[in-house]
Amino acid sequence: MRTIIVGGGKVGFYLAKTLLEQGHTVTIIDQDKEQCRFCANNISAEICCGDGTDDDILRACNADKADTVIAVMGQDENNLVCCQIAKNIFGVKKTIAKVNNPKNAEVLKQLGIDIVISATENIIHLLEHEVDLSAVKELISVGEDASLLEITLPQDYKLDGTPLMELSLPQNCNIVCIKRGGKTIIPRGRTTLKSSDIMLVVTLGKEEKELRRALKLKN
């Protein structure tokens, strides 16, 4: 996949580094020469020193061949303009913009940006709901309503030693396997849960809350 990241600061740099590790072709655009030099010296992305809201710069970076343009500059209006040019002039299929002011998120969506990311809103959401990021992670979607989840049990797990047959798991839920100490266990009813177990679970999306409740994990 060919991705253009506009904004070579910390967010853009580490995003590019991650995408490169996953096999993407990445171009970084930034106006700051020092930042461009830093990126060029530390990652193997293509680097373009210029204004990411300028269609000539985007054209020079082959925006017409890009699958995704991600704008992570410091000004929300610049991220909007960049994504609009990418989509309307170069026909980029997916545009992603970071917003620094969460009040601008809905406006950017209404103006045609495919995905709008607000770091502020994400942090507030985590604080409000006390989400344990290590507990439940969706790996892939299966069809329209099912998911393959990776569930990491806490170190001091409340149900340590409890057999699966004693849990009130949702009906539309199946524990595929359990990873424990480098070994893979195919679970049966008498299989007991242990602290720090990693489970792969297939479940319907609507059953995830019930699954968390049955496993006594935070919602």
Protein backbone atom coordinates (compact mmCIF):
# COMPACT_ATOMS: atom_id res chain seq x y z
CA MET A 1 0.00 0.00 0.00
CA ARG A 2 1.29 3.47 -0.89
CA THR A 3 0.78 6.07 1.84
CA ILE A 4 1.60 9.77 1.99
CA ILE A 5 2.01 11.28 5.45
CA VAL A 6 1.85 15.07 5.58
CA GLY A 7 3.59 16.24 8.71
CA GLY A 8 6.92 14.81 9.77
CA GLY A 9 6.79 15.57 13.48
CA LYS A 10 6.63 12.93 16.20
CA VAL A 11 3.22 11.60 15.14
CA GLY A 12 4.13 11.47 11.45
CA PHE A 13 7.57 10.00 12.08
CA TYR A 14 6.41 7.12 14.29
CA LEU A 15 3.40 6.47 12.09
CA ALA A 16 5.71 6.21 9.07
CA LYS A 17 8.08 3.94 10.97
CA THR A 18 5.23 1.59 11.89
CA LEU A 19 3.80 1.49 8.36
CA LEU A 20 7.24 0.79 6.88
CA GLU A 21 7.67 -2.13 9.27
CA GLN A 22 4.35 -3.49 7.98
CA GLY A 23 5.54 -3.33 4.37
CA HIS A 24 3.90 -0.09 3.21
CA THR A 25 5.53 2.35 0.80
CA VAL A 26 5.64 5.69 2.63
CA THR A 27 6.33 9.28 1.62
CA ILE A 28 6.65 12.03 4.24
CA ILE A 29 5.99 15.67 3.36
CA ASP A 30 7.08 18.44 5.73
CA GLN A 31 8.09 22.09 5.33
CA ASP A 32 10.73 21.99 8.06
CA LYS A 33 14.13 21.16 6.53
CA GLU A 34 15.58 19.96 9.83
CA GLN A 35 12.64 17.64 10.40
CA CYS A 36 12.97 16.29 6.87
CA ARG A 37 16.67 15.67 7.47
CA PHE A 38 15.90 13.85 10.72
CA CYS A 39 13.34 11.61 9.03
CA ALA A 40 15.67 10.90 6.12
CA ASN A 41 18.47 9.87 8.48
CA ASN A 42 16.34 7.56 10.62
CA ILE A 43 13.78 5.81 8.40
CA SER A 44 13.66 4.57 4.82
CA ALA A 45 10.63 6.60 3.74
CA GLU A 46 10.73 8.92 0.76
CA ILE A 47 11.08 12.49 2.04
CA CYS A 48 9.73 15.63 0.39
CA CYS A 49 10.44 19.08 1.82
CA GLY A 50 7.47 21.26 0.95
CA ASP A 51 3.95 22.43 1.73
CA GLY A 52 1.50 19.52 1.93
CA THR A 53 -1.41 21.85 1.15
CA ASP A 54 0.13 22.70 -2.24
CA ASP A 55 -1.24 20.54 -5.07
CA ASP A 56 2.08 20.86 -6.97
CA ILE A 57 3.91 19.28 -4.02
CA LEU A 58 1.36 16.49 -3.74
CA ARG A 59 1.61 15.93 -7.50
CA ALA A 60 5.39 15.70 -7.26
CA CYS A 61 4.94 13.05 -4.55
CA ASN A 62 2.67 10.99 -6.86
CA ALA A 63 -0.49 11.60 -4.86
CA ASP A 64 -2.47 10.28 -7.83
CA LYS A 65 -0.95 6.85 -7.12
CA ALA A 66 -1.42 6.94 -3.34
CA ASP A 67 -3.90 4.65 -1.59
CA THR A 68 -4.03 6.81 1.53
CA VAL A 69 -3.11 10.36 2.51
CA ILE A 70 -2.71 11.03 6.23
CA ALA A 71 -2.49 14.66 7.38
CA VAL A 72 -1.00 15.14 10.85
CA MET A 73 0.11 18.78 10.74
CA GLY A 74 -0.25 21.19 13.64
CA GLN A 75 -3.14 23.18 12.16
CA ASP A 76 -6.54 21.54 11.66
CA GLU A 77 -7.32 23.75 8.66
CA ASN A 78 -4.13 22.62 6.93
CA ASN A 79 -5.02 18.98 7.50
CA LEU A 80 -8.46 19.64 6.02
CA VAL A 81 -7.12 21.39 2.92
CA CYS A 82 -4.51 18.68 2.35
CA CYS A 83 -7.09 15.89 2.50
CA GLN A 84 -9.56 17.73 0.30
CA ILE A 85 -6.91 18.30 -2.38
CA ALA A 86 -5.86 14.64 -2.15
CA LYS A 87 -9.42 13.40 -2.60
CA ASN A 88 -10.87 15.98 -5.03
CA ILE A 89 -7.87 16.58 -7.30
CA PHE A 90 -5.94 13.32 -7.11
CA GLY A 91 -8.75 10.87 -6.38
CA VAL A 92 -7.15 9.36 -3.27
CA LYS A 93 -9.54 6.71 -1.92
CA LYS A 94 -8.90 7.18 1.79
CA THR A 95 -8.00 10.39 3.60
CA ILE A 96 -7.20 10.58 7.30
CA ALA A 97 -6.81 13.81 9.28
CA LYS A 98 -5.68 14.50 12.83
CA VAL A 99 -7.60 17.23 14.64
CA ASN A 100 -6.03 19.11 17.51
CA ASN A 101 -9.33 20.73 18.52
CA PRO A 102 -11.96 18.00 19.02
CA LYS A 103 -14.70 20.54 18.19
CA ASN A 104 -13.47 20.46 14.59
CA ALA A 105 -13.86 16.70 14.19
CA GLU A 106 -17.49 16.69 13.05
CA VAL A 107 -16.87 19.57 10.62
CA LEU A 108 -14.03 17.69 8.92
CA LYS A 109 -16.22 14.61 8.58
CA GLN A 110 -18.99 16.68 7.00
CA LEU A 111 -16.47 18.16 4.57
CA GLY A 112 -15.57 14.74 3.23
CA ILE A 113 -12.61 13.49 5.28
CA ASP A 114 -12.93 9.71 5.56
CA ILE A 115 -11.39 9.27 9.02
CA VAL A 116 -10.90 12.01 11.61
CA ILE A 117 -8.74 11.26 14.63
CA SER A 118 -8.81 13.38 17.79
CA ALA A 119 -6.12 12.49 20.31
CA THR A 120 -7.90 14.63 22.91
CA GLU A 121 -11.18 12.75 22.52
CA ASN A 122 -9.43 9.39 22.67
CA ILE A 123 -7.70 10.27 25.93
CA ILE A 124 -10.95 11.58 27.45
CA HIS A 125 -12.73 8.39 26.38
CA LEU A 126 -10.10 6.24 28.07
CA LEU A 127 -10.28 8.27 31.26
CA GLU A 128 -14.08 8.18 31.36
CA HIS A 129 -14.37 4.45 30.78
CA GLU A 130 -11.15 3.29 32.48
CA VAL A 131 -10.37 1.04 29.55
CA ASP A 132 -7.65 -1.54 30.12
CA LEU A 133 -5.97 -1.51 26.71
CA SER A 134 -4.16 -4.76 27.39
CA ALA A 135 -7.36 -6.68 28.20
CA VAL A 136 -9.34 -6.98 24.96
CA LYS A 137 -8.10 -6.30 21.43
CA GLU A 138 -9.97 -6.96 18.18
CA LEU A 139 -7.70 -8.75 15.72
CA ILE A 140 -10.00 -9.10 12.71
CA SER A 141 -13.65 -8.81 11.80
CA VAL A 142 -15.37 -12.01 10.71
CA GLY A 143 -18.27 -11.19 8.44
CA GLU A 144 -20.46 -8.26 9.39
CA ASP A 145 -21.13 -8.95 13.05
CA ALA A 146 -18.44 -11.26 14.45
CA SER A 147 -14.90 -10.62 15.62
CA LEU A 148 -11.75 -12.52 16.55
CA LEU A 149 -10.60 -11.09 19.88
CA GLU A 150 -7.33 -11.39 21.74
CA ILE A 151 -7.97 -11.25 25.48
CA THR A 152 -5.08 -10.86 27.92
CA LEU A 153 -6.02 -11.77 31.48
CA PRO A 154 -4.60 -9.55 34.28
CA GLN A 155 -1.61 -10.67 36.35
CA ASP A 156 -3.72 -10.96 39.50
CA TYR A 157 -6.77 -12.41 37.77
CA LYS A 158 -9.85 -12.79 39.97
CA LEU A 159 -10.85 -16.09 38.34
CA ASP A 160 -7.41 -17.71 38.40
CA GLY A 161 -7.88 -21.50 38.58
CA THR A 162 -11.54 -21.41 37.50
CA PRO A 163 -12.56 -24.11 34.96
CA LEU A 164 -14.20 -22.84 31.78
CA MET A 165 -17.22 -25.05 32.46
CA GLU A 166 -18.02 -22.94 35.53
CA LEU A 167 -18.16 -19.65 33.60
CA SER A 168 -21.42 -18.26 32.22
CA LEU A 169 -19.98 -17.44 28.81
CA PRO A 170 -22.31 -15.97 26.14
CA GLN A 171 -23.91 -18.50 23.85
CA ASN A 172 -22.44 -16.92 20.70
CA CYS A 173 -18.88 -17.08 21.96
CA ASN A 174 -16.15 -19.66 21.41
CA ILE A 175 -12.68 -19.75 23.00
CA VAL A 176 -10.46 -21.00 20.18
CA CYS A 177 -7.20 -21.41 22.08
CA ILE A 178 -5.23 -20.21 25.09
CA LYS A 179 -1.58 -19.16 24.99
CA ARG A 180 0.24 -19.84 28.24
CA GLY A 181 3.98 -19.70 28.86
CA GLY A 182 4.86 -20.13 25.20
CA LYS A 183 2.49 -23.10 24.77
CA THR A 184 -0.86 -23.26 23.00
CA ILE A 185 -3.77 -24.99 24.74
CA ILE A 186 -6.92 -26.16 22.95
CA PRO A 187 -9.45 -25.58 25.73
CA ARG A 188 -12.08 -27.97 27.03
CA GLY A 189 -14.64 -27.56 29.78
CA ARG A 190 -12.22 -28.61 32.51
CA THR A 191 -9.45 -26.27 31.28
CA THR A 192 -8.73 -23.68 33.98
CA LEU A 193 -7.92 -20.03 33.43
CA LYS A 194 -4.64 -18.64 34.73
CA SER A 195 -3.40 -15.12 35.32
CA SER A 196 -1.67 -13.62 32.23
CA ASP A 197 -3.29 -16.15 29.88
CA ILE A 198 -3.82 -14.88 26.33
CA MET A 199 -7.03 -16.17 24.78
CA LEU A 200 -8.24 -16.08 21.20
CA VAL A 201 -12.03 -15.79 21.17
CA VAL A 202 -14.58 -15.64 18.37
CA THR A 203 -17.72 -13.75 19.34
CA LEU A 204 -20.58 -11.72 17.95
CA GLY A 205 -20.03 -8.00 18.48
CA LYS A 206 -23.15 -7.63 20.59
CA GLU A 207 -21.86 -10.31 22.99
CA GLU A 208 -18.59 -8.57 23.87
CA LYS A 209 -20.00 -6.82 26.94
CA GLU A 210 -21.44 -10.10 28.22
CA LEU A 211 -18.10 -11.79 27.59
CA ARG A 212 -16.26 -9.12 29.58
CA ARG A 213 -18.78 -9.52 32.39
CA ALA A 214 -18.42 -13.31 32.43
CA LEU A 215 -14.64 -13.02 32.57
CA LYS A 216 -14.86 -10.20 35.15
CA LEU A 217 -12.93 -7.76 32.99
CA LYS A 218 -13.49 -3.99 32.96
CA ASN A 219 -15.98 -2.68 30.40
